[in-house]
N, C-alpha and C. Protein backbone atom coordinates (compact mmCIF):
# COMPACT_ATOMS: atom_id res chain seq x y z
N MET A 1 0.83 -1.33 -0.09
CA MET A 1 -0.02 -0.01 -0.13
C MET A 1 0.77 1.26 0.06
N LYS A 2 1.77 1.28 0.83
CA LYS A 2 3.02 2.47 0.98
C LYS A 2 3.42 2.52 -0.38
N LYS A 3 3.68 1.84 -1.33
CA LYS A 3 4.14 1.78 -2.61
C LYS A 3 3.31 2.49 -3.49
N ILE A 4 1.94 1.91 -3.43
CA ILE A 4 0.88 3.00 -4.29
C ILE A 4 0.94 4.23 -3.87
N ILE A 5 0.78 4.41 -2.70
CA ILE A 5 0.80 6.05 -2.12
C ILE A 5 2.10 6.58 -2.63
N THR A 6 3.13 6.25 -2.53
CA THR A 6 4.51 6.90 -3.05
C THR A 6 4.72 7.34 -4.70
N LEU A 7 4.21 5.76 -5.43
CA LEU A 7 4.17 5.98 -6.68
C LEU A 7 2.82 7.03 -7.27
N SER A 8 2.08 7.36 -6.65
CA SER A 8 0.70 8.24 -6.94
C SER A 8 1.34 9.77 -6.76
N ILE A 9 1.84 9.81 -5.54
CA ILE A 9 2.66 11.13 -5.12
C ILE A 9 3.68 11.49 -6.07
N LEU A 10 4.63 10.51 -6.51
CA LEU A 10 5.47 10.85 -7.64
C LEU A 10 4.96 10.92 -8.85
N ALA A 11 3.96 10.40 -9.24
CA ALA A 11 3.15 10.62 -10.58
C ALA A 11 2.58 11.87 -10.55
N ALA A 12 2.07 12.68 -9.36
CA ALA A 12 1.38 13.95 -9.37
C ALA A 12 2.39 14.81 -9.34
N SER A 13 3.42 14.56 -8.87
CA SER A 13 4.36 15.66 -8.67
C SER A 13 5.28 15.78 -10.13
N LEU A 14 5.08 14.81 -10.87
CA LEU A 14 5.93 14.72 -11.94
C LEU A 14 4.81 15.58 -13.13
N LEU A 15 3.57 15.14 -13.04
CA LEU A 15 2.65 15.65 -13.95
C LEU A 15 2.60 17.08 -13.67
N SER A 16 2.68 17.65 -12.34
CA SER A 16 2.55 18.90 -12.02
C SER A 16 3.69 20.15 -12.35
N CYS A 17 4.96 19.20 -12.58
CA CYS A 17 5.92 20.06 -13.36
C CYS A 17 5.95 20.56 -14.84
N SER A 18 6.19 21.86 -14.89
CA SER A 18 5.82 21.99 -16.23
C SER A 18 6.98 21.71 -17.27
N SER A 19 6.41 21.33 -18.25
CA SER A 19 7.39 20.93 -19.23
C SER A 19 7.59 21.99 -20.65
N ASN A 20 6.52 22.81 -20.44
CA ASN A 20 6.37 24.04 -21.25
C ASN A 20 7.20 25.32 -20.97
N GLU A 21 8.26 24.93 -19.90
CA GLU A 21 9.27 26.29 -19.75
C GLU A 21 9.95 26.81 -20.68
N ASN A 22 10.51 26.17 -21.98
CA ASN A 22 11.25 26.42 -22.84
C ASN A 22 10.53 26.40 -24.04
N THR A 23 9.08 26.13 -24.03
CA THR A 23 8.03 26.05 -25.06
C THR A 23 7.74 27.56 -25.21
N PRO A 24 7.80 27.94 -26.85
CA PRO A 24 7.49 29.43 -26.97
C PRO A 24 5.68 29.49 -26.78
N LEU A 25 5.56 30.64 -26.34
CA LEU A 25 3.87 31.10 -26.37
C LEU A 25 3.57 31.16 -27.63
N SER A 26 4.28 31.60 -28.83
CA SER A 26 3.68 31.46 -29.95
C SER A 26 4.80 31.13 -30.99
N ASP A 27 4.11 30.62 -31.65
CA ASP A 27 5.11 30.06 -32.97
C ASP A 27 4.53 30.57 -34.19
N ASP A 28 4.01 31.85 -34.23
CA ASP A 28 3.66 32.50 -35.38
C ASP A 28 4.98 32.76 -36.52
N ILE A 29 4.48 32.79 -37.84
CA ILE A 29 5.56 33.29 -38.61
C ILE A 29 6.17 34.48 -38.51
N ILE A 30 5.38 35.66 -37.76
CA ILE A 30 5.80 36.87 -37.78
C ILE A 30 7.18 36.95 -36.48
N ILE A 31 7.27 35.92 -35.90
CA ILE A 31 8.38 35.91 -34.88
C ILE A 31 9.90 36.01 -35.61
N GLY A 32 10.41 37.13 -35.24
CA GLY A 32 11.91 37.18 -35.24
C GLY A 32 12.51 38.84 -35.71
N LYS A 33 13.38 38.91 -36.03
CA LYS A 33 13.99 40.14 -36.11
C LYS A 33 13.77 40.62 -37.50
N TRP A 34 13.32 41.89 -37.97
CA TRP A 34 13.06 42.32 -39.06
C TRP A 34 13.71 43.58 -39.42
N GLN A 35 14.30 43.54 -40.51
CA GLN A 35 14.96 44.94 -40.94
C GLN A 35 14.35 45.46 -42.11
N LEU A 36 14.12 47.22 -41.85
CA LEU A 36 13.21 47.79 -42.79
C LEU A 36 14.01 47.98 -44.14
N ILE A 37 13.56 47.78 -45.11
CA ILE A 37 14.15 47.76 -46.34
C ILE A 37 13.17 49.01 -47.36
N ARG A 38 11.73 48.99 -47.32
CA ARG A 38 11.10 50.02 -47.92
C ARG A 38 10.26 50.85 -47.17
N GLN A 39 10.07 52.02 -47.56
CA GLN A 39 8.82 52.92 -47.32
C GLN A 39 7.94 53.40 -48.17
N TYR A 40 6.84 53.14 -48.16
CA TYR A 40 5.81 53.40 -49.17
C TYR A 40 6.20 52.86 -50.52
N GLY A 41 6.95 51.81 -50.86
CA GLY A 41 7.27 51.61 -52.00
C GLY A 41 9.06 51.89 -52.40
N ASP A 42 9.34 52.85 -51.68
CA ASP A 42 10.77 53.28 -51.87
C ASP A 42 11.92 52.77 -51.14
N ASP A 43 12.86 52.37 -51.74
CA ASP A 43 13.94 51.60 -50.92
C ASP A 43 14.68 52.82 -49.88
N THR A 44 14.62 51.87 -48.81
CA THR A 44 15.44 53.08 -47.63
C THR A 44 17.03 53.14 -47.80
N ASP A 45 17.44 54.36 -47.53
CA ASP A 45 18.83 54.71 -47.60
C ASP A 45 19.48 53.97 -46.21
N ASP A 46 20.81 53.77 -46.33
CA ASP A 46 21.56 53.02 -45.69
C ASP A 46 21.60 53.30 -43.97
N CYS A 47 21.04 54.66 -43.84
CA CYS A 47 20.86 54.94 -42.23
C CYS A 47 19.26 54.37 -42.09
N THR A 48 18.13 54.54 -42.65
CA THR A 48 17.17 54.07 -42.30
C THR A 48 16.81 52.58 -42.18
N LYS A 49 17.79 52.05 -43.07
CA LYS A 49 17.82 50.43 -43.02
C LYS A 49 18.32 50.02 -41.86
N LYS A 50 19.00 50.69 -40.90
CA LYS A 50 19.10 49.99 -39.87
C LYS A 50 17.89 49.93 -38.55
N SER A 51 16.78 50.45 -39.05
CA SER A 51 15.41 50.38 -38.25
C SER A 51 15.16 49.07 -38.32
N THR A 52 14.68 48.34 -37.22
CA THR A 52 14.35 47.03 -37.03
C THR A 52 13.37 46.93 -36.20
N ILE A 53 12.12 45.62 -36.30
CA ILE A 53 11.30 45.39 -35.65
C ILE A 53 11.26 43.96 -35.42
N THR A 54 11.29 43.71 -34.02
CA THR A 54 11.34 42.38 -33.46
C THR A 54 10.04 42.09 -32.74
N PHE A 55 9.67 40.86 -33.02
CA PHE A 55 8.45 40.21 -32.94
C PHE A 55 8.84 38.81 -31.95
N GLU A 56 8.59 38.95 -30.50
CA GLU A 56 9.10 37.66 -29.81
C GLU A 56 8.41 36.86 -29.47
N ASN A 57 8.34 35.94 -29.20
CA ASN A 57 7.26 34.60 -29.10
C ASN A 57 6.80 34.72 -27.74
N ASP A 58 7.28 35.60 -26.75
CA ASP A 58 5.98 36.09 -25.85
C ASP A 58 5.30 37.14 -25.62
N PHE A 59 4.89 37.65 -27.06
CA PHE A 59 4.27 38.69 -27.56
C PHE A 59 4.53 40.07 -27.16
N ASP A 60 5.81 40.16 -27.05
CA ASP A 60 6.71 41.29 -26.98
C ASP A 60 6.83 42.04 -28.14
N LEU A 61 7.04 43.28 -28.47
CA LEU A 61 7.33 44.00 -29.65
C LEU A 61 8.41 45.01 -29.29
N ILE A 62 9.49 44.99 -30.11
CA ILE A 62 10.86 45.70 -29.88
C ILE A 62 11.01 46.50 -31.13
N ILE A 63 11.03 47.77 -31.07
CA ILE A 63 11.10 48.61 -32.45
C ILE A 63 12.25 49.58 -32.24
N ASN A 64 13.05 49.63 -33.21
CA ASN A 64 14.41 50.66 -33.07
C ASN A 64 14.39 51.22 -34.23
N THR A 65 14.43 52.51 -34.58
CA THR A 65 14.06 53.58 -35.33
C THR A 65 15.43 54.29 -35.75
N TYR A 66 15.89 54.52 -36.96
CA TYR A 66 17.12 55.24 -37.26
C TYR A 66 16.20 56.34 -38.31
N LEU A 67 17.07 57.47 -38.47
CA LEU A 67 16.62 58.70 -39.44
C LEU A 67 17.62 59.25 -39.56
N SER A 68 17.75 59.42 -41.33
CA SER A 68 18.73 60.16 -41.91
C SER A 68 18.38 61.82 -41.58
N LEU A 69 19.03 62.62 -40.94
CA LEU A 69 18.91 64.06 -40.82
C LEU A 69 19.57 64.89 -41.95
N THR A 70 20.65 64.26 -42.41
CA THR A 70 21.51 64.76 -43.56
C THR A 70 22.18 63.63 -44.14
N ASP A 71 22.87 63.82 -45.15
CA ASP A 71 23.41 62.84 -45.86
C ASP A 71 24.58 62.18 -45.14
N ASP A 72 24.85 62.85 -44.21
CA ASP A 72 26.17 62.16 -43.38
C ASP A 72 25.76 62.16 -41.89
N GLU A 73 24.47 62.12 -41.55
CA GLU A 73 24.19 62.16 -40.24
C GLU A 73 22.83 61.27 -40.01
N CYS A 74 23.21 60.16 -39.31
CA CYS A 74 22.15 59.16 -39.05
C CYS A 74 22.06 59.08 -37.51
N VAL A 75 20.70 59.12 -36.95
CA VAL A 75 20.74 59.39 -35.60
C VAL A 75 19.34 58.40 -35.24
N SER A 76 19.69 57.86 -34.12
CA SER A 76 18.58 56.45 -33.82
C SER A 76 17.81 57.59 -33.11
N THR A 77 16.30 57.43 -33.67
CA THR A 77 15.25 58.01 -32.71
C THR A 77 14.57 57.24 -31.57
N GLY A 78 15.33 55.93 -31.09
CA GLY A 78 15.07 55.44 -30.01
C GLY A 78 14.52 53.92 -30.27
N THR A 79 14.42 53.25 -28.94
CA THR A 79 13.63 52.03 -29.16
C THR A 79 12.48 52.14 -28.12
N THR A 80 11.15 51.58 -29.02
CA THR A 80 9.90 51.57 -28.25
C THR A 80 9.53 49.95 -27.93
N LYS A 81 8.94 49.79 -27.05
CA LYS A 81 8.64 48.43 -26.72
C LYS A 81 7.05 48.58 -26.42
N GLY A 82 6.38 47.25 -26.97
CA GLY A 82 5.07 47.07 -26.82
C GLY A 82 4.73 45.60 -26.93
N ASN A 83 3.62 45.31 -27.29
CA ASN A 83 3.17 44.17 -27.65
C ASN A 83 2.53 43.61 -28.76
N TRP A 84 2.27 42.24 -29.07
CA TRP A 84 1.59 42.22 -30.64
C TRP A 84 0.71 41.10 -29.94
N ASN A 85 -0.33 40.84 -31.22
CA ASN A 85 -1.06 39.96 -31.16
C ASN A 85 -1.95 39.47 -32.44
N LYS A 86 -1.78 38.46 -32.61
CA LYS A 86 -2.37 37.97 -34.01
C LYS A 86 -4.05 37.92 -33.86
N LYS A 87 -4.71 38.70 -34.64
CA LYS A 87 -6.02 38.74 -34.37
C LYS A 87 -7.03 37.63 -35.45
N SER A 88 -6.36 37.57 -36.53
CA SER A 88 -6.91 36.66 -37.86
C SER A 88 -5.66 36.47 -38.62
N GLU A 89 -6.14 35.42 -39.77
CA GLU A 89 -4.87 35.25 -40.51
C GLU A 89 -3.73 36.33 -41.05
N ASN A 90 -4.13 37.59 -41.35
CA ASN A 90 -3.35 38.67 -41.89
C ASN A 90 -3.31 39.88 -40.99
N LEU A 91 -4.13 39.62 -39.84
CA LEU A 91 -4.38 40.94 -39.24
C LEU A 91 -3.77 40.68 -37.80
N TYR A 92 -3.11 41.75 -37.41
CA TYR A 92 -2.39 41.78 -36.31
C TYR A 92 -2.64 43.23 -35.57
N THR A 93 -2.56 42.98 -34.12
CA THR A 93 -2.68 43.99 -33.23
C THR A 93 -1.33 44.24 -32.58
N LEU A 94 -0.97 45.76 -32.89
CA LEU A 94 0.12 46.19 -32.08
C LEU A 94 0.20 47.13 -31.16
N GLU A 95 0.34 46.94 -29.93
CA GLU A 95 0.13 47.90 -28.99
C GLU A 95 1.78 48.60 -28.57
N ARG A 96 1.67 49.74 -28.45
CA ARG A 96 2.83 50.47 -27.97
C ARG A 96 2.35 52.02 -27.62
N GLN A 97 3.00 52.29 -26.48
CA GLN A 97 2.92 54.00 -25.79
C GLN A 97 1.47 54.18 -25.78
N GLY A 98 0.73 53.27 -25.16
CA GLY A 98 -0.89 53.55 -24.85
C GLY A 98 -1.67 53.22 -26.15
N LEU A 99 -1.02 53.04 -27.41
CA LEU A 99 -1.82 52.82 -28.48
C LEU A 99 -2.25 51.64 -28.81
N SER A 100 -3.13 51.09 -29.49
CA SER A 100 -3.38 50.16 -29.97
C SER A 100 -3.83 49.99 -31.52
N ILE A 101 -3.21 49.18 -32.55
CA ILE A 101 -3.58 49.59 -33.63
C ILE A 101 -3.63 48.19 -34.41
N ASP A 102 -4.69 48.12 -35.20
CA ASP A 102 -4.84 46.77 -35.88
C ASP A 102 -4.26 47.02 -37.39
N THR A 103 -3.45 46.26 -37.89
CA THR A 103 -2.69 46.20 -38.90
C THR A 103 -2.71 45.00 -39.88
N SER A 104 -2.80 45.08 -41.24
CA SER A 104 -3.10 44.21 -42.05
C SER A 104 -1.54 44.03 -42.54
N ILE A 105 -1.12 42.71 -42.69
CA ILE A 105 0.16 42.47 -42.77
C ILE A 105 0.12 41.20 -43.81
N ARG A 106 1.25 41.32 -45.00
CA ARG A 106 1.15 40.12 -46.10
C ARG A 106 2.57 39.71 -46.04
N PHE A 107 2.65 38.51 -45.97
CA PHE A 107 4.15 37.99 -46.01
C PHE A 107 4.46 37.49 -47.56
N GLU A 108 5.62 37.76 -48.10
CA GLU A 108 6.13 37.30 -49.24
C GLU A 108 7.63 36.95 -49.21
N ASP A 109 8.25 36.16 -50.30
CA ASP A 109 9.39 36.14 -50.60
C ASP A 109 9.60 34.53 -49.73
N ASN A 110 8.73 33.73 -49.74
CA ASN A 110 8.90 32.48 -48.79
C ASN A 110 9.12 32.86 -47.30
N ASN A 111 8.07 33.94 -46.93
CA ASN A 111 7.87 34.41 -45.51
C ASN A 111 8.96 35.12 -45.00
N ASN A 112 10.12 35.61 -46.09
CA ASN A 112 11.15 36.32 -45.81
C ASN A 112 10.90 37.87 -45.88
N THR A 113 9.81 38.18 -46.16
CA THR A 113 9.57 39.59 -46.34
C THR A 113 8.11 39.79 -45.60
N LEU A 114 8.13 41.11 -44.70
CA LEU A 114 6.99 41.47 -44.03
C LEU A 114 6.47 42.69 -44.43
N ILE A 115 5.17 42.77 -45.09
CA ILE A 115 4.89 43.96 -45.45
C ILE A 115 3.51 44.71 -44.81
N PHE A 116 3.53 45.66 -44.13
CA PHE A 116 2.60 46.43 -43.54
C PHE A 116 1.69 47.00 -44.35
N LEU A 117 0.66 46.79 -44.52
CA LEU A 117 -0.42 47.36 -45.41
C LEU A 117 -1.45 48.38 -44.96
N GLU A 118 -1.51 49.60 -45.74
CA GLU A 118 -2.28 50.67 -45.39
C GLU A 118 -3.37 50.76 -46.38
N ALA A 119 -4.52 50.43 -46.14
CA ALA A 119 -5.66 50.49 -47.43
C ALA A 119 -5.33 49.56 -48.43
N GLY A 120 -4.80 48.62 -48.26
CA GLY A 120 -4.21 47.82 -49.19
C GLY A 120 -3.12 47.87 -50.01
N GLU A 121 -2.27 49.10 -49.64
CA GLU A 121 -1.12 49.47 -50.42
C GLU A 121 -0.10 49.11 -49.46
N GLU A 122 1.18 48.98 -49.79
CA GLU A 122 2.58 48.84 -48.80
C GLU A 122 2.76 49.82 -48.18
N GLU A 123 2.96 49.91 -46.95
CA GLU A 123 3.17 51.41 -46.14
C GLU A 123 4.91 51.05 -46.03
N LEU A 124 4.99 49.85 -45.19
CA LEU A 124 6.42 49.59 -44.62
C LEU A 124 6.78 48.22 -45.34
N ALA A 125 7.87 48.03 -45.96
CA ALA A 125 8.33 46.70 -45.99
C ALA A 125 9.47 46.23 -44.87
N TYR A 126 9.63 45.03 -44.38
CA TYR A 126 10.94 44.54 -43.80
C TYR A 126 11.20 43.30 -44.16
N ARG A 127 12.56 42.60 -44.35
CA ARG A 127 13.03 41.57 -44.47
C ARG A 127 13.85 40.89 -43.08
N ARG A 128 13.47 39.68 -43.24
CA ARG A 128 13.92 38.89 -41.98
C ARG A 128 15.18 38.81 -41.64
N LYS A 129 15.94 39.14 -40.74
CA LYS A 129 17.08 39.13 -40.46
C LYS A 129 17.70 37.73 -40.24
């Protein structure tokens, strides 16, 4: 009888241990670091190309933005953190600085190009890093 009780306690303790500690919360195609390549259909310059957006598997969002002030002056406009969530097939919600925006996203080039759409037109395009 003691063996049965001991085995039951052991089995219960094993089952209560989380095996999901290293399992991502999300495995969405969007997860990863993306580098800006186009804005409104135009290629970005070398400075602006340093801008990145990172979608993490725990739904965190990190945006690093760069801006060309002059031909030889490239500045970081800072890092913004927020959250993301997938609402439907190509619709995502991005939350940052108290704002929540639903945005349509299209993937191209074997899912290595992410395109933010505004009214069906390309607004921003990023390439997977």
